[in-house]
Amino acid sequence: MAFTNSTKILLLVALTATTLPAAGIAKPNSYPGENSKFKSNDPAVIAQQRAEQQKRIEDRKKRREEKRLERLNRKKNRSN
């Protein structure tokens, strides 16, 4: 008798867990737009954000070039 009751309970729990919508099993503290930033309609704010983005891109390119030159120098010094 106990075996059949526990089997019924297990099947009921499994059935409920598999039929829940995806939102019910989502990560805690997550909601649509959680990682999105505020998008302003102000042209000055948009221009500032684009300038900051371009600066970050240029900095990234500069760091990549510096690392590439450093690797080339190490490689060159190793062969001497």
C-alpha atoms as a PDB file:
ATOM      1  CA  MET A   1       0.000   0.000   0.000  1.00  0.00           C
ATOM      2  CA  ALA A   2       2.778   2.432   0.917  1.00  0.00           C
ATOM      3  CA  PHE A   3       4.569   1.646  -2.312  1.00  0.00           C
ATOM      4  CA  THR A   4       1.577   2.597  -4.456  1.00  0.00           C
ATOM      5  CA  ASN A   5       0.956   5.833  -2.531  1.00  0.00           C
ATOM      6  CA  SER A   6       4.578   6.928  -2.884  1.00  0.00           C
ATOM      7  CA  THR A   7       4.487   6.010  -6.580  1.00  0.00           C
ATOM      8  CA  LYS A   8       1.362   8.113  -7.077  1.00  0.00           C
ATOM      9  CA  ILE A   9       2.951  11.060  -5.280  1.00  0.00           C
ATOM     10  CA  LEU A  10       6.143  10.750  -7.306  1.00  0.00           C
ATOM     11  CA  LEU A  11       4.214  10.658 -10.584  1.00  0.00           C
ATOM     12  CA  LEU A  12       2.125  13.645  -9.515  1.00  0.00           C
ATOM     13  CA  VAL A  13       5.237  15.675  -8.648  1.00  0.00           C
ATOM     14  CA  ALA A  14       6.961  14.695 -11.890  1.00  0.00           C
ATOM     15  CA  LEU A  15       3.882  15.575 -13.930  1.00  0.00           C
ATOM     16  CA  THR A  16       3.527  18.971 -12.267  1.00  0.00           C
ATOM     17  CA  ALA A  17       7.211  19.778 -12.683  1.00  0.00           C
ATOM     18  CA  THR A  18       7.243  18.970 -16.382  1.00  0.00           C
ATOM     19  CA  THR A  19       4.050  20.860 -17.207  1.00  0.00           C
ATOM     20  CA  LEU A  20       5.065  24.137 -15.565  1.00  0.00           C
ATOM     21  CA  PRO A  21       5.619  27.022 -17.998  1.00  0.00           C
ATOM     22  CA  ALA A  22       9.169  28.211 -18.581  1.00  0.00           C
ATOM     23  CA  ALA A  23       8.528  31.379 -16.573  1.00  0.00           C
ATOM     24  CA  GLY A  24       7.858  29.266 -13.515  1.00  0.00           C
ATOM     25  CA  ILE A  25      11.319  27.731 -13.606  1.00  0.00           C
ATOM     26  CA  ALA A  26      13.224  30.853 -14.667  1.00  0.00           C
ATOM     27  CA  LYS A  27      16.255  32.120 -12.819  1.00  0.00           C
ATOM     28  CA  PRO A  28      15.449  34.028  -9.643  1.00  0.00           C
ATOM     29  CA  ASN A  29      15.484  37.819  -9.919  1.00  0.00           C
ATOM     30  CA  SER A  30      15.243  37.741 -13.696  1.00  0.00           C
ATOM     31  CA  TYR A  31      12.755  39.747 -15.671  1.00  0.00           C
ATOM     32  CA  PRO A  32      12.541  41.032 -19.249  1.00  0.00           C
ATOM     33  CA  GLY A  33      14.969  43.858 -19.829  1.00  0.00           C
ATOM     34  CA  GLU A  34      17.043  43.052 -16.773  1.00  0.00           C
ATOM     35  CA  ASN A  35      20.328  43.600 -18.586  1.00  0.00           C
ATOM     36  CA  SER A  36      19.115  46.269 -20.982  1.00  0.00           C
ATOM     37  CA  LYS A  37      20.036  49.890 -20.479  1.00  0.00           C
ATOM     38  CA  PHE A  38      17.760  52.892 -20.567  1.00  0.00           C
ATOM     39  CA  LYS A  39      17.379  54.201 -24.108  1.00  0.00           C
ATOM     40  CA  SER A  40      16.891  57.913 -24.244  1.00  0.00           C
ATOM     41  CA  ASN A  41      15.346  59.879 -27.102  1.00  0.00           C
ATOM     42  CA  ASP A  42      17.557  62.873 -26.352  1.00  0.00           C
ATOM     43  CA  PRO A  43      20.048  63.362 -29.247  1.00  0.00           C
ATOM     44  CA  ALA A  44      22.716  64.726 -26.889  1.00  0.00           C
ATOM     45  CA  VAL A  45      22.537  61.622 -24.677  1.00  0.00           C
ATOM     46  CA  ILE A  46      22.615  59.338 -27.707  1.00  0.00           C
ATOM     47  CA  ALA A  47      25.645  61.161 -29.108  1.00  0.00           C
ATOM     48  CA  GLN A  48      27.421  60.884 -25.750  1.00  0.00           C
ATOM     49  CA  GLN A  49      26.701  57.141 -25.529  1.00  0.00           C
ATOM     50  CA  ARG A  50      27.992  56.598 -29.062  1.00  0.00           C
ATOM     51  CA  ALA A  51      31.135  58.616 -28.304  1.00  0.00           C
ATOM     52  CA  GLU A  52      31.758  56.503 -25.194  1.00  0.00           C
ATOM     53  CA  GLN A  53      31.200  53.338 -27.208  1.00  0.00           C
ATOM     54  CA  GLN A  54      33.648  54.472 -29.902  1.00  0.00           C
ATOM     55  CA  LYS A  55      36.203  55.317 -27.213  1.00  0.00           C
ATOM     56  CA  ARG A  56      35.854  51.830 -25.712  1.00  0.00           C
ATOM     57  CA  ILE A  57      36.255  50.280 -29.165  1.00  0.00           C
ATOM     58  CA  GLU A  58      39.393  52.320 -29.853  1.00  0.00           C
ATOM     59  CA  ASP A  59      40.846  51.437 -26.442  1.00  0.00           C
ATOM     60  CA  ARG A  60      40.167  47.772 -27.133  1.00  0.00           C
ATOM     61  CA  LYS A  61      41.892  47.994 -30.525  1.00  0.00           C
ATOM     62  CA  LYS A  62      44.859  49.734 -28.908  1.00  0.00           C
ATOM     63  CA  ARG A  63      45.199  47.029 -26.231  1.00  0.00           C
ATOM     64  CA  ARG A  64      44.981  44.291 -28.842  1.00  0.00           C
ATOM     65  CA  GLU A  65      47.693  45.932 -30.937  1.00  0.00           C
ATOM     66  CA  GLU A  66      49.936  46.375 -27.892  1.00  0.00           C
ATOM     67  CA  LYS A  67      49.515  42.705 -26.957  1.00  0.00           C
ATOM     68  CA  ARG A  68      50.219  41.657 -30.542  1.00  0.00           C
ATOM     69  CA  LEU A  69      53.421  43.715 -30.629  1.00  0.00           C
ATOM     70  CA  GLU A  70      54.450  42.340 -27.249  1.00  0.00           C
ATOM     71  CA  ARG A  71      53.966  38.775 -28.486  1.00  0.00           C
ATOM     72  CA  LEU A  72      55.985  39.527 -31.615  1.00  0.00           C
ATOM     73  CA  ASN A  73      58.792  41.021 -29.544  1.00  0.00           C
ATOM     74  CA  ARG A  74      58.892  37.997 -27.238  1.00  0.00           C
ATOM     75  CA  LYS A  75      58.940  35.697 -30.228  1.00  0.00           C
ATOM     76  CA  LYS A  76      61.716  37.697 -31.861  1.00  0.00           C
ATOM     77  CA  ASN A  77      63.829  37.784 -28.678  1.00  0.00           C
ATOM     78  CA  ARG A  78      63.379  34.063 -28.172  1.00  0.00           C
ATOM     79  CA  SER A  79      64.925  33.221 -31.524  1.00  0.00           C
ATOM     80  CA  ASN A  80      68.124  35.253 -30.863  1.00  0.00           C
END
